[in-house]
Protein backbone atom coordinates (compact mmCIF):
# COMPACT_ATOMS: atom_id res chain seq x y z
CA MET A 1 56.50 118.48 128.43
CA THR A 2 57.33 116.14 125.60
CA ASP A 3 58.76 112.68 126.03
CA HIS A 4 62.08 112.25 124.16
CA ARG A 5 61.87 108.48 123.82
CA SER A 6 62.27 107.07 120.33
CA ASP A 7 60.14 104.33 118.79
CA HIS A 8 63.01 103.14 116.61
CA PRO A 9 63.78 99.41 117.20
CA PHE A 10 67.53 100.04 117.61
CA ASP A 11 66.91 102.59 120.34
CA ARG A 12 64.56 100.23 122.17
CA ALA A 13 67.08 97.35 121.96
CA ALA A 14 69.93 99.54 123.22
CA SER A 15 67.94 100.88 126.14
CA SER A 16 66.67 97.43 127.19
CA GLN A 17 70.17 95.90 127.46
CA PRO A 18 71.74 95.91 130.89
CA GLY A 19 74.76 98.23 131.05
CA ALA A 20 73.91 99.93 127.73
CA GLY A 21 76.37 102.75 128.43
CA GLU A 22 79.35 100.41 129.03
CA PRO A 23 81.66 99.22 126.24
CA GLU A 24 81.16 95.66 125.04
CA ARG A 25 83.66 93.14 126.43
CA PRO A 26 85.35 90.75 123.97
CA ARG A 27 83.65 87.37 123.81
CA VAL A 28 86.93 85.50 123.21
CA GLU A 29 90.38 86.26 124.54
CA PRO A 30 92.70 87.16 121.62
CA GLU A 31 95.41 84.62 120.86
CA ILE A 32 98.91 85.95 120.37
CA ILE A 33 100.84 83.88 117.81
CA PRO A 34 104.62 84.41 117.85
CA PRO A 35 106.36 85.19 114.55
CA GLY A 36 107.22 82.10 112.55
CA ALA A 37 104.83 79.84 114.46
CA PRO A 38 102.28 77.92 112.37
CA ASP A 39 98.73 79.18 112.38
CA PRO A 40 96.57 77.11 114.76
CA ASP A 41 93.74 77.09 112.20
CA PRO A 42 94.89 74.70 109.43
CA ARG A 43 92.44 76.29 106.98
CA LEU A 44 94.42 79.55 107.13
CA ASP A 45 97.97 78.14 107.15
CA PRO A 46 98.98 77.10 103.61
CA ARG A 47 101.94 75.09 104.98
CA ARG A 48 99.60 72.80 106.94
CA SER A 49 96.59 72.60 104.63
CA ALA A 50 96.39 69.47 102.50
CA GLY A 51 96.42 70.52 98.85
CA ARG A 52 94.37 73.69 99.35
CA GLY A 53 97.17 76.21 98.96
CA PRO A 54 100.73 76.54 97.70
CA GLU A 55 103.18 74.36 99.60
CA GLY A 56 106.68 75.07 100.85
CA LEU A 57 106.78 78.82 100.27
CA PRO A 58 108.85 81.15 102.43
CA ASP A 59 107.09 83.53 104.79
CA GLY A 60 105.73 86.65 103.14
CA ALA A 61 105.30 85.02 99.72
CA VAL A 62 101.63 84.10 100.12
CA PHE A 63 98.66 86.40 100.57
CA VAL A 64 95.48 84.73 101.75
CA THR A 65 92.10 86.32 101.15
CA ILE A 66 88.67 84.93 101.85
CA ASP A 67 86.05 85.34 99.14
CA ARG A 68 82.29 85.79 99.58
CA ASP A 69 81.72 82.05 99.79
CA GLY A 70 84.21 81.70 102.66
CA GLN A 71 86.76 79.90 100.48
CA PRO A 72 90.41 80.93 100.84
CA ARG A 73 92.16 82.36 97.78
CA TYR A 74 95.94 82.20 97.63
CA THR A 75 98.12 84.67 95.75
CA ARG A 76 101.75 83.71 95.31
CA ILE A 77 104.29 86.53 95.03
CA GLU A 78 107.71 85.47 93.76
CA PRO A 79 110.90 87.48 93.28
CA PRO A 80 111.49 88.46 89.65
CA GLY A 81 113.59 86.18 87.49
CA PRO A 82 116.64 87.24 85.47
CA ILE A 83 114.68 88.04 82.30
CA SER A 84 112.23 90.25 84.22
CA THR A 85 115.11 91.99 86.00
CA VAL A 86 116.94 92.73 82.73
CA LEU A 87 113.72 93.90 81.06
CA GLY A 88 112.92 96.15 84.01
CA LEU A 89 116.42 97.67 83.95
CA VAL A 90 116.18 98.27 80.19
CA ILE A 91 112.83 100.04 80.60
CA LEU A 92 114.19 102.08 83.52
CA GLY A 93 117.24 103.05 81.43
CA ALA A 94 115.03 104.06 78.50
CA VAL A 95 112.90 106.27 80.75
CA ALA A 96 116.03 107.85 82.29
CA ALA A 97 117.52 108.46 78.82
CA GLY A 98 114.27 110.10 77.68
CA ILE A 99 114.22 112.39 80.71
CA LEU A 100 117.88 113.28 80.11
CA LEU A 101 117.20 114.07 76.43
CA VAL A 102 114.27 116.32 77.34
CA ALA A 103 116.37 118.12 79.98
CA LEU A 104 119.28 118.59 77.58
CA GLY A 105 116.89 119.77 74.86
CA VAL A 106 115.46 122.39 77.19
CA VAL A 107 118.94 123.57 78.20
CA LEU A 108 120.25 123.55 74.64
CA PHE A 109 117.19 125.50 73.47
CA TRP A 110 117.44 128.19 76.15
CA VAL A 111 121.23 128.73 75.95
CA PRO A 112 121.05 130.41 72.51
CA VAL A 113 117.96 132.35 73.59
CA ALA A 114 119.83 133.65 76.65
CA ILE A 115 122.84 134.59 74.50
CA VAL A 116 120.58 136.53 72.10
CA VAL A 117 118.88 138.35 75.01
CA VAL A 118 122.24 139.33 76.57
CA ALA A 119 123.56 140.45 73.17
CA ALA A 120 120.40 142.53 72.60
CA LEU A 121 120.81 144.18 76.03
CA LEU A 122 124.47 144.99 75.35
CA PHE A 123 123.64 146.33 71.89
CA SER A 124 120.81 148.48 73.25
CA GLY A 125 123.22 149.94 75.86
CA TYR A 126 125.71 150.70 73.11
CA LEU A 127 123.01 152.34 70.96
CA ARG A 128 121.84 154.42 73.94
CA GLY A 129 125.39 155.72 74.40
CA LEU A 130 125.62 156.56 70.68
CA TRP A 131 122.23 158.28 70.79
CA ARG A 132 123.26 160.41 73.77
CA ARG A 133 126.46 161.47 72.02
CA PHE A 134 124.53 162.20 68.84
CA MET A 135 121.95 164.33 70.66
CA GLY A 136 124.71 166.16 72.49
CA ARG A 137 123.90 165.26 76.05
């Protein structure tokens, strides 16, 4: 019989640990921070850090990311001002007007086409009746 043991270092390390089949227990108990409470780590709370992040911002206005060097990067998201709001509404209105013009153009193009098709069908029915009378049927 063959032995199914592996010589891979990961397999050896896993088999030598006590309780290798059990899930790993957390090393630290998770801390539950209630909403609105300051972060206990002053490096991560921009309201408590001295000059490292934006100060006095409402909740939800700051996104904190950590770069490769372990330094926090702060991104400030503000509500749009009046000029941005007006410009956004103008652009939205222009897009809506363009869509409306395209839709009306399609409708106004196909209405005459539909009228011509219906007129052609009526005329062909009339010609068929004339042809039957002419042929004596």
